[in-house]
Amino acid sequence: GNDVKDALYMANDALGCFLFDDYAKLEDMPKSSLLED
């Protein structure tokens, strides 16, 4: 992203693009780590 605001927007879009196929194929989503780790 070009700045913080754009980076947050782009992160959201990247997440959607990445998980789209798993969602459409009814596959389990990858496990999420804890931020503090």
Full PDB file with SEQRES, HELIX, SHEET, SSBOND, CRYST1, ORIGX, SCALE, CONECT and MASTER records, all heavy atoms in Angstrom:
SEQRES   1 A   37  GLY ASN ASP VAL LYS ASP ALA LEU TYR MET ALA ASN ASP          
SEQRES   2 A   37  ALA LEU GLY CYS PHE LEU PHE ASP ASP TYR ALA LYS LEU          
SEQRES   3 A   37  GLU ASP MET PRO LYS SER SER LEU LEU GLU ASP                  
HELIX    1 AA1 VAL A    4  ALA A   24  1                                  21    
CRYST1    1.000    1.000    1.000  90.00  90.00  90.00 P 1           1          
ORIGX1      1.000000  0.000000  0.000000        0.00000                         
ORIGX2      0.000000  1.000000  0.000000        0.00000                         
ORIGX3      0.000000  0.000000  1.000000        0.00000                         
SCALE1      1.000000  0.000000  0.000000        0.00000                         
SCALE2      0.000000  1.000000  0.000000        0.00000                         
SCALE3      0.000000  0.000000  1.000000        0.00000                         
ATOM      1  N   GLY A   1       0.836  -1.195   0.000  1.00  0.00           N  
ATOM      2  CA  GLY A   1       0.000   0.000   0.000  1.00  0.00           C  
ATOM      3  C   GLY A   1       0.866   1.238   0.000  1.00  0.00           C  
ATOM      4  O   GLY A   1       1.994   1.217   0.507  1.00  0.00           O  
ATOM      5  N   ASN A   2       0.333   2.328  -0.547  1.00  0.00           N  
ATOM      6  CA  ASN A   2       1.093   3.571  -0.675  1.00  0.00           C  
ATOM      7  C   ASN A   2       1.244   4.320   0.632  1.00  0.00           C  
ATOM      8  O   ASN A   2       2.144   5.141   0.777  1.00  0.00           O  
ATOM      9  CB  ASN A   2       0.436   4.489  -1.714  1.00  0.00           C  
ATOM     10  CG  ASN A   2       0.478   3.885  -3.092  1.00  0.00           C  
ATOM     11  OD1 ASN A   2       1.432   3.195  -3.448  1.00  0.00           O  
ATOM     12  ND2 ASN A   2      -0.558   4.116  -3.873  1.00  0.00           N  
ATOM     13  N   ASP A   3       0.325   4.095   1.567  1.00  0.00           N  
ATOM     14  CA  ASP A   3       0.364   4.716   2.890  1.00  0.00           C  
ATOM     15  C   ASP A   3      -0.444   3.804   3.824  1.00  0.00           C  
ATOM     16  O   ASP A   3      -0.912   2.754   3.399  1.00  0.00           O  
ATOM     17  CB  ASP A   3      -0.190   6.146   2.866  1.00  0.00           C  
ATOM     18  CG  ASP A   3      -1.582   6.241   2.254  1.00  0.00           C  
ATOM     19  OD1 ASP A   3      -2.387   5.295   2.387  1.00  0.00           O  
ATOM     20  OD2 ASP A   3      -1.894   7.277   1.634  1.00  0.00           O  
ATOM     21  N   VAL A   4      -0.613   4.188   5.081  1.00  0.00           N  
ATOM     22  CA  VAL A   4      -1.299   3.316   6.035  1.00  0.00           C  
ATOM     23  C   VAL A   4      -2.724   3.016   5.585  1.00  0.00           C  
ATOM     24  O   VAL A   4      -3.160   1.855   5.583  1.00  0.00           O  
ATOM     25  CB  VAL A   4      -1.291   3.937   7.455  1.00  0.00           C  
ATOM     26  CG1 VAL A   4      -2.166   3.127   8.398  1.00  0.00           C  
ATOM     27  CG2 VAL A   4       0.113   4.028   8.003  1.00  0.00           C  
ATOM     28  N   LYS A   5      -3.457   4.050   5.197  1.00  0.00           N  
ATOM     29  CA  LYS A   5      -4.852   3.852   4.792  1.00  0.00           C  
ATOM     30  C   LYS A   5      -4.944   2.907   3.595  1.00  0.00           C  
ATOM     31  O   LYS A   5      -5.747   1.968   3.596  1.00  0.00           O  
ATOM     32  CB  LYS A   5      -5.488   5.210   4.457  1.00  0.00           C  
ATOM     33  CG  LYS A   5      -6.937   5.130   4.073  1.00  0.00           C  
ATOM     34  CD  LYS A   5      -7.504   6.509   3.783  1.00  0.00           C  
ATOM     35  CE  LYS A   5      -8.945   6.421   3.327  1.00  0.00           C  
ATOM     36  NZ  LYS A   5      -9.492   7.734   2.992  1.00  0.00           N  
ATOM     37  N   ASP A   6      -4.113   3.132   2.594  1.00  0.00           N  
ATOM     38  CA  ASP A   6      -4.117   2.277   1.413  1.00  0.00           C  
ATOM     39  C   ASP A   6      -3.664   0.861   1.767  1.00  0.00           C  
ATOM     40  O   ASP A   6      -4.212  -0.121   1.262  1.00  0.00           O  
ATOM     41  CB  ASP A   6      -3.200   2.878   0.339  1.00  0.00           C  
ATOM     42  CG  ASP A   6      -3.284   2.137  -0.978  1.00  0.00           C  
ATOM     43  OD1 ASP A   6      -4.414   1.886  -1.456  1.00  0.00           O  
ATOM     44  OD2 ASP A   6      -2.217   1.817  -1.540  1.00  0.00           O  
ATOM     45  N   ALA A   7      -2.689   0.731   2.648  1.00  0.00           N  
ATOM     46  CA  ALA A   7      -2.190  -0.584   3.058  1.00  0.00           C  
ATOM     47  C   ALA A   7      -3.284  -1.385   3.768  1.00  0.00           C  
ATOM     48  O   ALA A   7      -3.432  -2.584   3.529  1.00  0.00           O  
ATOM     49  CB  ALA A   7      -0.969  -0.431   3.960  1.00  0.00           C  
ATOM     50  N   LEU A   8      -4.055  -0.751   4.618  1.00  0.00           N  
ATOM     51  CA  LEU A   8      -5.148  -1.439   5.308  1.00  0.00           C  
ATOM     52  C   LEU A   8      -6.210  -1.905   4.311  1.00  0.00           C  
ATOM     53  O   LEU A   8      -6.734  -3.016   4.411  1.00  0.00           O  
ATOM     54  CB  LEU A   8      -5.756  -0.550   6.385  1.00  0.00           C  
ATOM     55  CG  LEU A   8      -4.840  -0.287   7.585  1.00  0.00           C  
ATOM     56  CD1 LEU A   8      -5.405   0.826   8.455  1.00  0.00           C  
ATOM     57  CD2 LEU A   8      -4.625  -1.554   8.402  1.00  0.00           C  
ATOM     58  N   TYR A   9      -6.527  -1.048   3.341  1.00  0.00           N  
ATOM     59  CA  TYR A   9      -7.488  -1.419   2.299  1.00  0.00           C  
ATOM     60  C   TYR A   9      -6.962  -2.591   1.477  1.00  0.00           C  
ATOM     61  O   TYR A   9      -7.677  -3.566   1.219  1.00  0.00           O  
ATOM     62  CB  TYR A   9      -7.775  -0.217   1.392  1.00  0.00           C  
ATOM     63  CG  TYR A   9      -8.655  -0.565   0.221  1.00  0.00           C  
ATOM     64  CD1 TYR A   9     -10.034  -0.610   0.354  1.00  0.00           C  
ATOM     65  CD2 TYR A   9      -8.098  -0.881  -1.021  1.00  0.00           C  
ATOM     66  CE1 TYR A   9     -10.850  -0.956  -0.720  1.00  0.00           C  
ATOM     67  CE2 TYR A   9      -8.908  -1.234  -2.096  1.00  0.00           C  
ATOM     68  CZ  TYR A   9     -10.272  -1.270  -1.936  1.00  0.00           C  
ATOM     69  OH  TYR A   9     -11.078  -1.616  -2.985  1.00  0.00           O  
ATOM     70  N   MET A  10      -5.703  -2.504   1.065  1.00  0.00           N  
ATOM     71  CA  MET A  10      -5.108  -3.539   0.230  1.00  0.00           C  
ATOM     72  C   MET A  10      -4.978  -4.858   0.992  1.00  0.00           C  
ATOM     73  O   MET A  10      -5.123  -5.939   0.412  1.00  0.00           O  
ATOM     74  CB  MET A  10      -3.747  -3.083  -0.304  1.00  0.00           C  
ATOM     75  CG  MET A  10      -3.828  -1.895  -1.251  1.00  0.00           C  
ATOM     76  SD  MET A  10      -4.863  -2.193  -2.693  1.00  0.00           S  
ATOM     77  CE  MET A  10      -3.852  -3.365  -3.575  1.00  0.00           C  
ATOM     78  N   ALA A  11      -4.703  -4.787   2.293  1.00  0.00           N  
ATOM     79  CA  ALA A  11      -4.617  -5.998   3.109  1.00  0.00           C  
ATOM     80  C   ALA A  11      -5.971  -6.700   3.148  1.00  0.00           C  
ATOM     81  O   ALA A  11      -6.054  -7.930   3.018  1.00  0.00           O  
ATOM     82  CB  ALA A  11      -4.152  -5.651   4.519  1.00  0.00           C  
ATOM     83  N   ASN A  12      -7.020  -5.933   3.299  1.00  0.00           N  
ATOM     84  CA  ASN A  12      -8.374  -6.482   3.325  1.00  0.00           C  
ATOM     85  C   ASN A  12      -8.693  -7.172   2.003  1.00  0.00           C  
ATOM     86  O   ASN A  12      -9.224  -8.282   1.974  1.00  0.00           O  
ATOM     87  CB  ASN A  12      -9.355  -5.348   3.634  1.00  0.00           C  
ATOM     88  CG  ASN A  12     -10.736  -5.837   3.924  1.00  0.00           C  
ATOM     89  OD1 ASN A  12     -11.540  -5.966   3.022  1.00  0.00           O  
ATOM     90  ND2 ASN A  12     -11.005  -6.098   5.196  1.00  0.00           N  
ATOM     91  N   ASP A  13      -8.355  -6.520   0.896  1.00  0.00           N  
ATOM     92  CA  ASP A  13      -8.622  -7.086  -0.423  1.00  0.00           C  
ATOM     93  C   ASP A  13      -7.773  -8.333  -0.672  1.00  0.00           C  
ATOM     94  O   ASP A  13      -8.270  -9.323  -1.221  1.00  0.00           O  
ATOM     95  CB  ASP A  13      -8.363  -6.040  -1.504  1.00  0.00           C  
ATOM     96  CG  ASP A  13      -8.865  -6.494  -2.861  1.00  0.00           C  
ATOM     97  OD1 ASP A  13     -10.049  -6.883  -2.959  1.00  0.00           O  
ATOM     98  OD2 ASP A  13      -8.080  -6.466  -3.821  1.00  0.00           O  
ATOM     99  N   ALA A  14      -6.514  -8.303  -0.267  1.00  0.00           N  
ATOM    100  CA  ALA A  14      -5.638  -9.466  -0.440  1.00  0.00           C  
ATOM    101  C   ALA A  14      -6.178 -10.664   0.336  1.00  0.00           C  
ATOM    102  O   ALA A  14      -6.159 -11.797  -0.156  1.00  0.00           O  
ATOM    103  CB  ALA A  14      -4.210  -9.131   0.007  1.00  0.00           C  
ATOM    104  N   LEU A  15      -6.663 -10.408   1.532  1.00  0.00           N  
ATOM    105  CA  LEU A  15      -7.234 -11.476   2.352  1.00  0.00           C  
ATOM    106  C   LEU A  15      -8.436 -12.107   1.648  1.00  0.00           C  
ATOM    107  O   LEU A  15      -8.555 -13.331   1.562  1.00  0.00           O  
ATOM    108  CB  LEU A  15      -7.628 -10.922   3.722  1.00  0.00           C  
ATOM    109  CG  LEU A  15      -8.172 -11.917   4.743  1.00  0.00           C  
ATOM    110  CD1 LEU A  15      -7.144 -12.993   5.047  1.00  0.00           C  
ATOM    111  CD2 LEU A  15      -8.572 -11.188   6.015  1.00  0.00           C  
ATOM    112  N   GLY A  16      -9.319 -11.276   1.122  1.00  0.00           N  
ATOM    113  CA  GLY A  16     -10.489 -11.789   0.399  1.00  0.00           C  
ATOM    114  C   GLY A  16     -10.105 -12.593  -0.832  1.00  0.00           C  
ATOM    115  O   GLY A  16     -10.639 -13.686  -1.065  1.00  0.00           O  
ATOM    116  N   CYS A  17      -9.163 -12.076  -1.607  1.00  0.00           N  
ATOM    117  CA  CYS A  17      -8.715 -12.789  -2.816  1.00  0.00           C  
ATOM    118  C   CYS A  17      -8.097 -14.137  -2.457  1.00  0.00           C  
ATOM    119  O   CYS A  17      -8.350 -15.143  -3.117  1.00  0.00           O  
ATOM    120  CB  CYS A  17      -7.685 -11.957  -3.572  1.00  0.00           C  
ATOM    121  SG  CYS A  17      -8.367 -10.549  -4.440  1.00  0.00           S  
ATOM    122  N   PHE A  18      -7.283 -14.140  -1.414  1.00  0.00           N  
ATOM    123  CA  PHE A  18      -6.566 -15.349  -1.031  1.00  0.00           C  
ATOM    124  C   PHE A  18      -7.522 -16.439  -0.542  1.00  0.00           C  
ATOM    125  O   PHE A  18      -7.344 -17.611  -0.846  1.00  0.00           O  
ATOM    126  CB  PHE A  18      -5.528 -15.033   0.053  1.00  0.00           C  
ATOM    127  CG  PHE A  18      -4.586 -16.159   0.325  1.00  0.00           C  
ATOM    128  CD1 PHE A  18      -3.433 -16.310  -0.430  1.00  0.00           C  
ATOM    129  CD2 PHE A  18      -4.846 -17.074   1.330  1.00  0.00           C  
ATOM    130  CE1 PHE A  18      -2.553 -17.361  -0.188  1.00  0.00           C  
ATOM    131  CE2 PHE A  18      -3.974 -18.128   1.579  1.00  0.00           C  
ATOM    132  CZ  PHE A  18      -2.823 -18.269   0.817  1.00  0.00           C  
ATOM    133  N   LEU A  19      -8.531 -16.056   0.220  1.00  0.00           N  
ATOM    134  CA  LEU A  19      -9.437 -17.042   0.821  1.00  0.00           C  
ATOM    135  C   LEU A  19     -10.643 -17.393  -0.044  1.00  0.00           C  
ATOM    136  O   LEU A  19     -11.413 -18.289   0.287  1.00  0.00           O  
ATOM    137  CB  LEU A  19      -9.923 -16.529   2.182  1.00  0.00           C  
ATOM    138  CG  LEU A  19      -8.836 -16.364   3.244  1.00  0.00           C  
ATOM    139  CD1 LEU A  19      -9.415 -15.742   4.502  1.00  0.00           C  
ATOM    140  CD2 LEU A  19      -8.161 -17.689   3.544  1.00  0.00           C  
ATOM    141  N   PHE A  20     -10.810 -16.702  -1.153  1.00  0.00           N  
ATOM    142  CA  PHE A  20     -11.977 -16.879  -2.012  1.00  0.00           C  
ATOM    143  C   PHE A  20     -12.192 -18.340  -2.412  1.00  0.00           C  
ATOM    144  O   PHE A  20     -13.292 -18.877  -2.279  1.00  0.00           O  
ATOM    145  CB  PHE A  20     -11.841 -16.005  -3.272  1.00  0.00           C  
ATOM    146  CG  PHE A  20     -13.006 -16.112  -4.203  1.00  0.00           C  
ATOM    147  CD1 PHE A  20     -14.077 -15.252  -4.072  1.00  0.00           C  
ATOM    148  CD2 PHE A  20     -13.045 -17.073  -5.200  1.00  0.00           C  
ATOM    149  CE1 PHE A  20     -15.173 -15.346  -4.930  1.00  0.00           C  
ATOM    150  CE2 PHE A  20     -14.124 -17.180  -6.053  1.00  0.00           C  
ATOM    151  CZ  PHE A  20     -15.188 -16.317  -5.918  1.00  0.00           C  
ATOM    152  N   ASP A  21     -11.165 -18.994  -2.919  1.00  0.00           N  
ATOM    153  CA  ASP A  21     -11.323 -20.374  -3.388  1.00  0.00           C  
ATOM    154  C   ASP A  21     -11.672 -21.327  -2.250  1.00  0.00           C  
ATOM    155  O   ASP A  21     -12.512 -22.217  -2.421  1.00  0.00           O  
ATOM    156  CB  ASP A  21     -10.059 -20.858  -4.096  1.00  0.00           C  
ATOM    157  CG  ASP A  21      -9.942 -20.321  -5.517  1.00  0.00           C  
ATOM    158  OD1 ASP A  21     -10.971 -19.880  -6.073  1.00  0.00           O  
ATOM    159  OD2 ASP A  21      -8.830 -20.329  -6.061  1.00  0.00           O  
ATOM    160  N   ASP A  22     -11.004 -21.177  -1.100  1.00  0.00           N  
ATOM    161  CA  ASP A  22     -11.320 -22.036   0.048  1.00  0.00           C  
ATOM    162  C   ASP A  22     -12.787 -21.890   0.425  1.00  0.00           C  
ATOM    163  O   ASP A  22     -13.471 -22.868   0.713  1.00  0.00           O  
ATOM    164  CB  ASP A  22     -10.445 -21.686   1.258  1.00  0.00           C  
ATOM    165  CG  ASP A  22      -8.997 -22.114   1.075  1.00  0.00           C  
ATOM    166  OD1 ASP A  22      -8.715 -22.905   0.150  1.00  0.00           O  
ATOM    167  OD2 ASP A  22      -8.145 -21.656   1.852  1.00  0.00           O  
ATOM    168  N   TYR A  23     -13.264 -20.653   0.432  1.00  0.00           N  
ATOM    169  CA  TYR A  23     -14.662 -20.382   0.783  1.00  0.00           C  
ATOM    170  C   TYR A  23     -15.599 -21.025  -0.245  1.00  0.00           C  
ATOM    171  O   TYR A  23     -16.545 -21.718   0.119  1.00  0.00           O  
ATOM    172  CB  TYR A  23     -14.886 -18.868   0.847  1.00  0.00           C  
ATOM    173  CG  TYR A  23     -16.315 -18.478   1.140  1.00  0.00           C  
ATOM    174  CD1 TYR A  23     -16.782 -18.471   2.444  1.00  0.00           C  
ATOM    175  CD2 TYR A  23     -17.179 -18.120   0.118  1.00  0.00           C  
ATOM    176  CE1 TYR A  23     -18.097 -18.109   2.720  1.00  0.00           C  
ATOM    177  CE2 TYR A  23     -18.490 -17.760   0.393  1.00  0.00           C  
ATOM    178  CZ  TYR A  23     -18.940 -17.755   1.696  1.00  0.00           C  
ATOM    179  OH  TYR A  23     -20.247 -17.406   1.964  1.00  0.00           O  
ATOM    180  N   ALA A  24     -15.320 -20.809  -1.528  1.00  0.00           N  
ATOM    181  CA  ALA A  24     -16.199 -21.314  -2.583  1.00  0.00           C  
ATOM    182  C   ALA A  24     -16.213 -22.838  -2.639  1.00  0.00           C  
ATOM    183  O   ALA A  24     -17.217 -23.435  -3.018  1.00  0.00           O  
ATOM    184  CB  ALA A  24     -15.780 -20.736  -3.933  1.00  0.00           C  
ATOM    185  N   LYS A  25     -15.114 -23.456  -2.255  1.00  0.00           N  
ATOM    186  CA  LYS A  25     -15.028 -24.921  -2.291  1.00  0.00           C  
ATOM    187  C   LYS A  25     -15.408 -25.547  -0.947  1.00  0.00           C  
ATOM    188  O   LYS A  25     -15.227 -26.744  -0.752  1.00  0.00           O  
ATOM    189  CB  LYS A  25     -13.623 -25.346  -2.687  1.00  0.00           C  
ATOM    190  CG  LYS A  25     -13.274 -24.972  -4.115  1.00  0.00           C  
ATOM    191  CD  LYS A  25     -11.848 -25.323  -4.449  1.00  0.00           C  
ATOM    192  CE  LYS A  25     -11.515 -24.879  -5.865  1.00  0.00           C  
ATOM    193  NZ  LYS A  25     -10.088 -25.079  -6.157  1.00  0.00           N  
ATOM    194  N   LEU A  26     -15.911 -24.730  -0.020  1.00  0.00           N  
ATOM    195  CA  LEU A  26     -16.343 -25.179   1.305  1.00  0.00           C  
ATOM    196  C   LEU A  26     -15.216 -25.845   2.093  1.00  0.00           C  
ATOM    197  O   LEU A  26     -15.439 -26.732   2.893  1.00  0.00           O  
ATOM    198  CB  LEU A  26     -17.541 -26.125   1.206  1.00  0.00           C  
ATOM    199  CG  LEU A  26     -18.794 -25.546   0.554  1.00  0.00           C  
ATOM    200  CD1 LEU A  26     -19.864 -26.623   0.423  1.00  0.00           C  
ATOM    201  CD2 LEU A  26     -19.321 -24.362   1.343  1.00  0.00           C  
ATOM    202  N   GLU A  27     -13.983 -25.397   1.844  1.00  0.00           N  
ATOM    203  CA  GLU A  27     -12.835 -25.933   2.571  1.00  0.00           C  
ATOM    204  C   GLU A  27     -12.649 -25.178   3.876  1.00  0.00           C  
ATOM    205  O   GLU A  27     -13.063 -24.019   4.011  1.00  0.00           O  
ATOM    206  CB  GLU A  27     -11.577 -25.836   1.711  1.00  0.00           C  
ATOM    207  CG  GLU A  27     -11.651 -26.731   0.477  1.00  0.00           C  
ATOM    208  CD  GLU A  27     -10.439 -26.617  -0.426  1.00  0.00           C  
ATOM    209  OE1 GLU A  27      -9.491 -25.889  -0.083  1.00  0.00           O  
ATOM    210  OE2 GLU A  27     -10.447 -27.264  -1.484  1.00  0.00           O  
ATOM    211  N   ASP A  28     -12.005 -25.825   4.831  1.00  0.00           N  
ATOM    212  CA  ASP A  28     -11.708 -25.169   6.101  1.00  0.00           C  
ATOM    213  C   ASP A  28     -10.738 -24.019   5.876  1.00  0.00           C  
ATOM    214  O   ASP A  28      -9.815 -24.118   5.061  1.00  0.00           O  
ATOM    215  CB  ASP A  28     -11.097 -26.164   7.094  1.00  0.00           C  
ATOM    216  CG  ASP A  28     -12.105 -27.215   7.551  1.00  0.00           C  
ATOM    217  OD1 ASP A  28     -13.320 -26.917   7.525  1.00  0.00           O  
ATOM    218  OD2 ASP A  28     -11.670 -28.305   7.935  1.00  0.00           O  
ATOM    219  N   MET A  29     -10.946 -22.946   6.613  1.00  0.00           N  
ATOM    220  CA  MET A  29     -10.047 -21.811   6.542  1.00  0.00           C  
ATOM    221  C   MET A  29      -8.761 -22.139   7.327  1.00  0.00           C  
ATOM    222  O   MET A  29      -8.815 -22.849   8.329  1.00  0.00           O  
ATOM    223  CB  MET A  29     -10.695 -20.570   7.167  1.00  0.00           C  
ATOM    224  CG  MET A  29     -11.917 -20.072   6.431  1.00  0.00           C  
ATOM    225  SD  MET A  29     -11.503 -19.415   4.821  1.00  0.00           S  
ATOM    226  CE  MET A  29     -12.725 -20.224   3.830  1.00  0.00           C  
ATOM    227  N   PRO A  30      -7.617 -21.599   6.877  1.00  0.00           N  
ATOM    228  CA  PRO A  30      -6.381 -21.811   7.636  1.00  0.00           C  
ATOM    229  C   PRO A  30      -6.525 -21.267   9.059  1.00  0.00           C  
ATOM    230  O   PRO A  30      -7.244 -20.297   9.297  1.00  0.00           O  
ATOM    231  CB  PRO A  30      -5.341 -21.002   6.856  1.00  0.00           C  
ATOM    232  CG  PRO A  30      -5.917 -20.881   5.477  1.00  0.00           C  
ATOM    233  CD  PRO A  30      -7.399 -20.833   5.661  1.00  0.00           C  
ATOM    234  N   LYS A  31      -5.823 -21.894   9.988  1.00  0.00           N  
ATOM    235  CA  LYS A  31      -5.853 -21.474  11.380  1.00  0.00           C  
ATOM    236  C   LYS A  31      -5.151 -20.124  11.515  1.00  0.00           C  
ATOM    237  O   LYS A  31      -4.147 -19.870  10.884  1.00  0.00           O  
ATOM    238  CB  LYS A  31      -5.158 -22.521  12.245  1.00  0.00           C  
ATOM    239  CG  LYS A  31      -5.288 -22.292  13.732  1.00  0.00           C  
ATOM    240  CD  LYS A  31      -4.693 -23.472  14.485  1.00  0.00           C  
ATOM    241  CE  LYS A  31      -4.679 -23.368  15.972  1.00  0.00           C  
ATOM    242  NZ  LYS A  31      -4.997 -22.188  16.655  1.00  0.00           N  
ATOM    243  N   SER A  32      -5.688 -19.274  12.355  1.00  0.00           N  
ATOM    244  CA  SER A  32      -5.141 -17.935  12.578  1.00  0.00           C  
ATOM    245  C   SER A  32      -4.263 -17.924  13.831  1.00  0.00           C  
ATOM    246  O   SER A  32      -4.665 -18.419  14.879  1.00  0.00           O  
ATOM    247  CB  SER A  32      -6.295 -16.942  12.736  1.00  0.00           C  
ATOM    248  OG  SER A  32      -5.810 -15.664  13.030  1.00  0.00           O  
ATOM    249  N   SER A  33      -3.090 -17.331  13.707  1.00  0.00           N  
ATOM    250  CA  SER A  33      -2.183 -17.173  14.849  1.00  0.00           C  
ATOM    251  C   SER A  33      -2.656 -16.042  15.745  1.00  0.00           C  
ATOM    252  O   SER A  33      -3.516 -15.241  15.370  1.00  0.00           O  
ATOM    253  CB  SER A  33      -0.777 -16.823  14.363  1.00  0.00           C  
ATOM    254  OG  SER A  33      -0.251 -17.829  13.561  1.00  0.00           O  
ATOM    255  N   LEU A  34      -2.052 -15.964  16.908  1.00  0.00           N  
ATOM    256  CA  LEU A  34      -2.292 -14.835  17.802  1.00  0.00           C  
ATOM    257  C   LEU A  34      -1.328 -13.714  17.440  1.00  0.00           C  
ATOM    258  O   LEU A  34      -0.142 -13.959  17.180  1.00  0.00           O  
ATOM    259  CB  LEU A  34      -2.081 -15.249  19.259  1.00  0.00           C  
ATOM    260  CG  LEU A  34      -3.045 -16.308  19.787  1.00  0.00           C  
ATOM    261  CD1 LEU A  34      -2.635 -16.735  21.195  1.00  0.00           C  
ATOM    262  CD2 LEU A  34      -4.466 -15.777  19.786  1.00  0.00           C  
ATOM    263  N   LEU A  35      -1.831 -12.499  17.448  1.00  0.00           N  
ATOM    264  CA  LEU A  35      -1.020 -11.343  17.093  1.00  0.00           C  
ATOM    265  C   LEU A  35       0.205 -11.223  17.997  1.00  0.00           C  
ATOM    266  O   LEU A  35       1.306 -10.916  17.533  1.00  0.00           O  
ATOM    267  CB  LEU A  35      -1.882 -10.072  17.174  1.00  0.00           C  
ATOM    268  CG  LEU A  35      -1.322  -8.809  16.556  1.00  0.00           C  
ATOM    269  CD1 LEU A  35      -1.125  -8.984  15.060  1.00  0.00           C  
ATOM    270  CD2 LEU A  35      -2.241  -7.642  16.818  1.00  0.00           C  
ATOM    271  N   GLU A  36       0.021 -11.502  19.298  1.00  0.00           N  
ATOM    272  CA  GLU A  36       1.130 -11.339  20.243  1.00  0.00           C  
ATOM    273  C   GLU A  36       2.248 -12.365  20.028  1.00  0.00           C  
ATOM    274  O   GLU A  36       3.361 -12.188  20.524  1.00  0.00           O  
ATOM    275  CB  GLU A  36       0.645 -11.388  21.692  1.00  0.00           C  
ATOM    276  CG  GLU A  36      -0.151 -12.615  22.048  1.00  0.00           C  
ATOM    277  CD  GLU A  36      -1.653 -12.435  21.896  1.00  0.00           C  
ATOM    278  OE1 GLU A  36      -2.105 -11.511  21.192  1.00  0.00           O  
ATOM    279  OE2 GLU A  36      -2.386 -13.244  22.480  1.00  0.00           O  
ATOM    280  N   ASP A  37       1.996 -13.405  19.253  1.00  0.00           N  
ATOM    281  CA  ASP A  37       3.028 -14.404  18.964  1.00  0.00           C  
ATOM    282  C   ASP A  37       3.890 -14.035  17.755  1.00  0.00           C  
ATOM    283  O   ASP A  37       4.804 -14.775  17.400  1.00  0.00           O  
ATOM    284  CB  ASP A  37       2.385 -15.777  18.718  1.00  0.00           C  
ATOM    285  CG  ASP A  37       1.735 -16.349  19.963  1.00  0.00           C  
ATOM    286  OD1 ASP A  37       2.081 -15.903  21.076  1.00  0.00           O  
ATOM    287  OD2 ASP A  37       0.889 -17.258  19.825  1.00  0.00           O  
TER     288      ASP A  37                                                      
MASTER        0    0    0    1    0    0    0    6  287    1    0    3          
END                                                                             
